[in-house]
Amino acid sequence: MSLQEIDFSKTLSDDQVYEAIMSNYSGLSKEWIFHQWNWMNNVYSPFNDHYKYLIIISLVEKTLQFFDQMQIQYSYDEYYSKSYLQIEKFSIAELCEKLDLPKETVRRKVLELEKEGVITRSKKKIIIDRKAFSFVKPENQIKFTSKYIYLVSQILNKEQVYTKKLDQKAIENIIKKKFTLCWRWFYRMQIPLIIGYHKFMQDLTTFHIWGTVCMNQVLNVSKELNTNDNENSLDYFSTNNVLIKNLASDTGISAMSISDMTQIPRATIIRKCKFLLQQDLIKINSKKQYVLSSMNFRKILPYQTEAFKFKAKFIRKVLNLLLIS
């Protein structure tokens, strides 16, 4: 399609996508929470450490940024056929700023990654070894992400603000075809989004645990979220009201179950849950199970609003790319 053939009046804005997400939250919330929970599991599992993974993908994002600036695009297969990735002008200070972490923490994690043979430093240059690819290669994540984008596109089709009819496979194909471009957009959504929750909850393990409690709560009240008089999705605030009304149920989740689902040690979960209890982000029921607190959504709202804006920007870019492809 030539530049002259593109009807820019049919392209989406961030606000249109954001409003669609917020207005139809009950129909999307379960998929989004599972999307993020699955991603957090993938963040933690390679090293049993969230921050090492964030350092790796922050370095990968730097290579994707370079390709974008040089107008070089690689497909999924082309990108992962390389034997290594080289990052020029690496600095601890840049990573600290990007991840909002203390210099001592980043330096220690980088040294540990070097000892594990995942990265190699040479003066101001850093090389990510091919062995790290299996940690960050997003085969399954592309499927989860494509499914969520597809659900949003259906809402936008229904609201007649997006004209192209898509299926999930078409979205997967465009992401893989223009991988270095699309996955840079993905990381530009996920990295600041997750760091925002890190700031709020003081570390990512706490956020991971809270997210597991949240997912359990949403799954347990999914019937109520999917049933209402108008047979339409509930907006963000109405969805949260349904969740709050169902907080007194016995359908909580134990520390052992959280550990089984996330592979985070049970002792760590109990310790982190003490912080969440003190902050009134969760509470504990008579069965010693964790459930969300009624104050949960009021406290988390400013962070979720910001997160949804990052999400809307990413989805807008992918859907517009599909529109003009």
Protein backbone atom coordinates (compact mmCIF):
# COMPACT_ATOMS: atom_id res chain seq x y z
CA MET A 1 0.00 0.00 0.00
CA SER A 2 1.49 3.33 -1.03
CA LEU A 3 1.52 6.40 1.17
CA GLN A 4 -1.14 8.01 -0.99
CA GLU A 5 -3.54 5.08 -0.46
CA ILE A 6 -3.47 5.21 3.34
CA ASP A 7 -6.61 6.76 4.82
CA PHE A 8 -5.20 8.29 7.99
CA SER A 9 -8.71 9.15 9.19
CA LYS A 10 -9.18 5.41 9.83
CA THR A 11 -6.12 5.05 12.06
CA LEU A 12 -6.56 4.82 15.80
CA SER A 13 -5.50 7.23 18.53
CA ASP A 14 -4.22 6.27 21.97
CA ASP A 15 -7.36 7.79 23.53
CA GLN A 16 -9.69 5.63 21.43
CA VAL A 17 -7.93 2.45 22.51
CA TYR A 18 -7.72 3.59 26.14
CA GLU A 19 -11.44 4.39 26.28
CA ALA A 20 -12.31 1.02 24.73
CA ILE A 21 -10.23 -0.79 27.35
CA MET A 22 -11.65 1.18 30.28
CA SER A 23 -15.27 0.98 29.05
CA ASN A 24 -15.15 -2.78 28.44
CA TYR A 25 -12.95 -3.77 31.35
CA SER A 26 -14.94 -6.75 32.63
CA GLY A 27 -14.68 -8.50 29.26
CA LEU A 28 -10.94 -7.88 29.05
CA SER A 29 -9.76 -7.98 32.66
CA LYS A 30 -9.34 -11.75 32.96
CA GLU A 31 -7.28 -11.97 29.77
CA TRP A 32 -5.11 -8.98 30.69
CA ILE A 33 -4.43 -10.19 34.23
CA PHE A 34 -3.52 -13.64 32.88
CA HIS A 35 -1.36 -11.98 30.19
CA GLN A 36 0.61 -10.05 32.81
CA TRP A 37 0.74 -12.90 35.30
CA ASN A 38 2.12 -15.25 32.65
CA TRP A 39 4.70 -12.63 31.67
CA MET A 40 5.77 -12.15 35.30
CA ASN A 41 6.22 -15.92 35.63
CA ASN A 42 8.45 -15.83 32.55
CA VAL A 43 10.37 -12.90 34.05
CA TYR A 44 11.04 -14.78 37.28
CA SER A 45 11.62 -18.37 36.12
CA PRO A 46 14.94 -18.16 34.16
CA PHE A 47 17.00 -16.84 37.10
CA ASN A 48 14.56 -17.01 40.05
CA ASP A 49 15.13 -13.25 40.02
CA HIS A 50 12.95 -10.61 38.36
CA TYR A 51 15.66 -7.98 38.04
CA LYS A 52 18.20 -10.07 36.12
CA TYR A 53 15.58 -10.71 33.46
CA LEU A 54 14.69 -7.00 33.33
CA ILE A 55 18.36 -6.17 32.81
CA ILE A 56 18.56 -8.64 29.91
CA ILE A 57 15.45 -7.34 28.14
CA SER A 58 16.51 -3.74 28.75
CA LEU A 59 19.73 -4.54 26.90
CA VAL A 60 17.76 -6.34 24.16
CA GLU A 61 15.47 -3.32 23.84
CA LYS A 62 18.55 -1.18 23.27
CA THR A 63 19.43 -3.29 20.19
CA LEU A 64 15.83 -3.04 18.98
CA GLN A 65 16.02 0.73 19.38
CA PHE A 66 19.17 0.82 17.26
CA PHE A 67 17.53 -1.23 14.50
CA ASP A 68 14.51 1.07 14.56
CA GLN A 69 16.65 4.20 14.32
CA MET A 70 18.59 2.72 11.40
CA GLN A 71 15.33 1.61 9.73
CA ILE A 72 16.44 -2.02 9.87
CA GLN A 73 13.77 -4.64 10.45
CA TYR A 74 14.25 -8.32 11.24
CA SER A 75 11.59 -10.98 11.41
CA TYR A 76 11.30 -13.22 14.47
CA ASP A 77 13.30 -16.03 12.83
CA GLU A 78 15.95 -13.68 11.45
CA TYR A 79 16.49 -11.98 14.80
CA TYR A 80 16.91 -15.21 16.75
CA SER A 81 19.20 -16.78 14.14
CA LYS A 82 22.05 -14.57 15.37
CA SER A 83 24.78 -16.15 17.50
CA TYR A 84 24.94 -13.16 19.84
CA LEU A 85 23.68 -9.62 20.35
CA GLN A 86 26.14 -6.77 20.79
CA ILE A 87 25.30 -3.57 22.66
CA GLU A 88 27.57 -0.60 22.19
CA LYS A 89 28.16 2.09 24.83
CA PHE A 90 26.85 0.04 27.73
CA SER A 91 26.76 1.74 31.11
CA ILE A 92 25.52 0.79 34.57
CA ALA A 93 24.23 4.35 35.04
CA GLU A 94 21.98 4.07 31.97
CA LEU A 95 20.49 0.81 33.24
CA CYS A 96 19.93 2.33 36.69
CA GLU A 97 18.04 5.25 35.18
CA LYS A 98 15.94 3.05 32.92
CA LEU A 99 15.01 0.56 35.65
CA ASP A 100 14.94 3.05 38.53
CA LEU A 101 17.21 0.80 40.59
CA PRO A 102 20.19 1.58 42.86
CA LYS A 103 23.61 1.40 41.19
CA GLU A 104 24.77 -1.24 43.69
CA THR A 105 21.83 -3.52 42.80
CA VAL A 106 22.35 -3.24 39.04
CA ARG A 107 26.11 -3.74 39.31
CA ARG A 108 25.64 -6.86 41.45
CA LYS A 109 23.05 -8.36 39.08
CA VAL A 110 25.23 -7.65 36.02
CA LEU A 111 28.19 -9.38 37.70
CA GLU A 112 26.00 -12.40 38.47
CA LEU A 113 24.85 -12.56 34.84
CA GLU A 114 28.50 -12.47 33.76
CA LYS A 115 29.38 -15.35 36.10
CA GLU A 116 26.47 -17.34 34.65
CA GLY A 117 27.86 -16.79 31.14
CA VAL A 118 24.75 -14.97 29.94
CA ILE A 119 26.55 -11.71 29.13
CA THR A 120 30.15 -10.67 28.49
CA ARG A 121 31.50 -7.17 29.07
CA SER A 122 34.40 -5.61 27.21
CA LYS A 123 35.03 -2.00 28.26
CA LYS A 124 31.95 -0.04 27.12
CA LYS A 125 30.60 -2.92 25.06
CA ILE A 126 28.41 -5.81 26.18
CA ILE A 127 27.57 -9.07 24.38
CA ILE A 128 24.48 -11.15 25.13
CA ASP A 129 25.29 -14.81 24.46
CA ARG A 130 22.96 -17.01 22.44
CA LYS A 131 22.21 -19.04 25.57
CA ALA A 132 20.16 -16.08 26.82
CA PHE A 133 17.84 -16.27 23.80
CA SER A 134 15.88 -19.17 25.28
CA PHE A 135 15.11 -16.97 28.30
CA VAL A 136 13.73 -14.06 26.30
CA LYS A 137 12.44 -15.74 23.12
CA PRO A 138 8.73 -14.89 23.31
CA GLU A 139 7.10 -17.72 21.35
CA ASN A 140 4.21 -18.19 23.79
CA GLN A 141 4.08 -14.54 24.81
CA ILE A 142 3.36 -13.51 21.21
CA LYS A 143 0.29 -15.78 21.29
CA PHE A 144 -0.98 -14.33 24.58
CA THR A 145 -0.35 -10.77 23.42
CA SER A 146 -1.98 -11.37 20.04
CA LYS A 147 -5.07 -12.80 21.70
CA TYR A 148 -5.49 -9.71 23.87
CA ILE A 149 -4.97 -7.35 20.91
CA TYR A 150 -7.56 -9.37 18.97
CA LEU A 151 -10.13 -8.96 21.77
CA VAL A 152 -9.54 -5.19 21.83
CA SER A 153 -9.87 -5.05 18.03
CA GLN A 154 -13.27 -6.76 18.27
CA ILE A 155 -14.48 -4.06 20.65
CA LEU A 156 -13.16 -1.34 18.37
CA ASN A 157 -14.89 -3.04 15.41
CA LYS A 158 -18.15 -3.10 17.36
CA GLU A 159 -17.77 0.57 18.23
CA GLN A 160 -17.04 1.28 14.54
CA VAL A 161 -13.79 3.11 15.21
CA TYR A 162 -11.60 0.41 13.62
CA THR A 163 -12.57 -0.97 10.23
CA LYS A 164 -10.22 -3.89 9.67
CA LYS A 165 -11.53 -7.33 10.68
CA LEU A 166 -8.75 -9.42 12.18
CA ASP A 167 -8.14 -12.85 13.56
CA GLN A 168 -5.54 -13.78 16.16
CA LYS A 169 -3.28 -15.48 13.61
CA ALA A 170 -3.03 -12.32 11.49
CA ILE A 171 -1.84 -10.40 14.54
CA GLU A 172 0.71 -13.11 15.39
CA ASN A 173 1.98 -13.04 11.81
CA ILE A 174 2.51 -9.26 11.68
CA ILE A 175 4.33 -9.29 15.03
CA LYS A 176 6.65 -12.07 13.82
CA LYS A 177 7.13 -10.50 10.41
CA LYS A 178 8.06 -7.10 11.85
CA PHE A 179 9.42 -8.50 15.07
CA THR A 180 12.18 -6.01 15.92
CA LEU A 181 9.75 -3.13 15.50
CA CYS A 182 6.76 -4.66 17.30
CA TRP A 183 8.75 -6.15 20.17
CA ARG A 184 10.46 -2.86 20.81
CA TRP A 185 6.95 -1.42 21.23
CA PHE A 186 6.13 -4.33 23.55
CA TYR A 187 9.16 -3.69 25.77
CA ARG A 188 8.44 0.04 25.78
CA MET A 189 5.06 -0.89 27.25
CA GLN A 190 6.18 -3.57 29.70
CA ILE A 191 9.37 -2.16 31.16
CA PRO A 192 7.98 1.19 32.44
CA LEU A 193 4.70 -0.47 33.38
CA ILE A 194 6.41 -3.06 35.59
CA ILE A 195 8.82 -0.51 37.03
CA GLY A 196 5.79 1.59 38.02
CA TYR A 197 4.49 -1.30 40.11
CA HIS A 198 7.98 -1.83 41.51
CA LYS A 199 7.91 1.75 42.82
CA PHE A 200 4.48 1.28 44.37
CA MET A 201 5.11 -2.11 45.99
CA GLN A 202 8.84 -1.63 46.67
CA ASP A 203 9.87 -4.73 44.70
CA LEU A 204 8.70 -6.96 41.86
CA THR A 205 8.34 -10.12 43.92
CA THR A 206 5.65 -8.37 45.96
CA PHE A 207 3.91 -7.26 42.77
CA HIS A 208 4.10 -10.81 41.36
CA ILE A 209 2.48 -12.19 44.52
CA TRP A 210 -0.22 -9.48 44.58
CA GLY A 211 -0.94 -10.18 40.90
CA THR A 212 -1.46 -13.87 41.68
CA VAL A 213 -3.97 -13.01 44.42
CA CYS A 214 -5.65 -10.60 42.01
CA MET A 215 -5.89 -13.20 39.23
CA ASN A 216 -7.37 -15.74 41.65
CA GLN A 217 -9.98 -13.18 42.75
CA VAL A 218 -10.97 -12.29 39.18
CA LEU A 219 -11.29 -15.95 38.18
CA ASN A 220 -13.51 -16.63 41.20
CA VAL A 221 -15.95 -13.82 40.36
CA SER A 222 -15.80 -14.21 36.57
CA LYS A 223 -19.45 -15.32 36.45
CA GLU A 224 -20.58 -12.09 38.10
CA LEU A 225 -18.37 -10.07 35.75
CA ASN A 226 -19.86 -11.73 32.69
CA THR A 227 -23.51 -11.40 33.75
CA ASN A 228 -25.43 -8.13 33.93
CA ASP A 229 -28.78 -6.71 32.86
CA ASN A 230 -27.60 -5.05 29.64
CA GLU A 231 -25.43 -7.97 28.48
CA ASN A 232 -22.63 -5.46 27.93
CA SER A 233 -19.16 -5.40 29.45
CA LEU A 234 -18.78 -3.42 32.65
CA ASP A 235 -16.42 -0.47 32.76
CA TYR A 236 -13.33 -0.35 34.96
CA PHE A 237 -15.05 1.12 38.03
CA SER A 238 -18.12 -1.16 37.84
CA THR A 239 -15.86 -4.19 37.47
CA ASN A 240 -13.92 -3.22 40.57
CA ASN A 241 -17.17 -2.72 42.48
CA VAL A 242 -18.15 -6.31 41.62
CA LEU A 243 -14.77 -7.54 42.85
CA ILE A 244 -15.07 -5.56 46.08
CA LYS A 245 -18.57 -6.92 46.75
CA ASN A 246 -17.22 -10.45 46.44
CA LEU A 247 -14.18 -9.98 48.67
CA ALA A 248 -15.87 -11.68 51.61
CA SER A 249 -16.07 -15.01 49.80
CA ASP A 250 -13.98 -17.95 50.94
CA THR A 251 -12.32 -18.29 47.57
CA GLY A 252 -8.90 -17.02 48.59
CA ILE A 253 -5.49 -18.46 47.79
CA SER A 254 -2.91 -19.90 50.18
CA ALA A 255 0.80 -19.16 50.37
CA MET A 256 1.51 -22.74 49.24
CA SER A 257 -0.73 -22.36 46.18
CA ILE A 258 0.95 -19.06 45.25
CA SER A 259 4.33 -20.78 45.58
CA ASP A 260 3.22 -23.68 43.36
CA MET A 261 1.94 -21.26 40.70
CA THR A 262 4.92 -18.87 40.69
CA GLN A 263 7.84 -21.02 41.99
CA ILE A 264 8.58 -18.25 44.51
CA PRO A 265 9.58 -19.86 47.85
CA ARG A 266 6.75 -20.09 50.37
CA ALA A 267 8.79 -18.32 53.07
CA THR A 268 9.32 -15.37 50.71
CA ILE A 269 5.60 -15.24 49.92
CA ILE A 270 4.64 -15.12 53.59
CA ARG A 271 7.17 -12.35 54.22
CA LYS A 272 6.01 -10.27 51.24
CA CYS A 273 2.35 -10.80 52.13
CA LYS A 274 3.01 -9.16 55.50
CA PHE A 275 3.85 -5.97 53.62
CA LEU A 276 0.73 -6.31 51.45
CA LEU A 277 -1.38 -6.82 54.57
CA GLN A 278 0.16 -3.76 56.23
CA GLN A 279 -0.58 -1.69 53.12
CA ASP A 280 -4.19 -2.96 53.07
CA LEU A 281 -3.70 -4.33 49.55
CA ILE A 282 -4.76 -7.83 50.62
CA LYS A 283 -6.39 -9.40 53.65
CA ILE A 284 -6.42 -12.91 55.08
CA ASN A 285 -9.60 -14.96 55.61
CA SER A 286 -10.50 -17.58 58.22
CA LYS A 287 -8.88 -20.32 56.12
CA LYS A 288 -5.53 -18.47 56.14
CA GLN A 289 -6.02 -17.64 52.47
CA TYR A 290 -5.23 -14.30 50.87
CA VAL A 291 -7.90 -12.18 49.15
CA LEU A 292 -7.93 -8.61 47.87
CA SER A 293 -8.77 -5.79 50.25
CA SER A 294 -11.58 -3.28 49.72
CA MET A 295 -8.91 -0.55 49.70
CA ASN A 296 -6.95 -2.35 47.01
CA PHE A 297 -8.34 -0.67 43.91
CA ARG A 298 -8.49 2.80 45.40
CA LYS A 299 -4.78 2.63 46.16
CA ILE A 300 -3.76 0.97 42.91
CA LEU A 301 -5.93 3.11 40.59
CA PRO A 302 -3.31 5.80 39.75
CA TYR A 303 -0.78 3.11 38.79
CA GLN A 304 -3.30 1.09 36.78
CA THR A 305 -4.43 4.21 34.92
CA GLU A 306 -0.82 4.86 33.91
CA ALA A 307 -0.34 1.20 33.00
CA PHE A 308 -3.40 1.22 30.75
CA LYS A 309 -2.02 4.25 28.90
CA PHE A 310 1.19 2.33 28.11
CA LYS A 311 -0.98 -0.60 27.02
CA ALA A 312 -3.22 1.58 24.81
CA LYS A 313 -0.18 3.07 23.05
CA PHE A 314 1.25 -0.37 22.26
CA ILE A 315 -2.05 -1.78 20.97
CA ARG A 316 -2.72 1.34 18.89
CA LYS A 317 0.64 0.97 17.15
CA VAL A 318 0.11 -2.72 16.31
CA LEU A 319 -3.47 -2.22 15.08
CA ASN A 320 -2.46 0.75 12.93
CA LEU A 321 0.42 -1.27 11.51
CA LEU A 322 -2.08 -3.98 10.55
CA LEU A 323 -4.36 -1.36 9.02
CA ILE A 324 -1.71 -0.07 6.63
CA SER A 325 0.03 -3.40 5.91
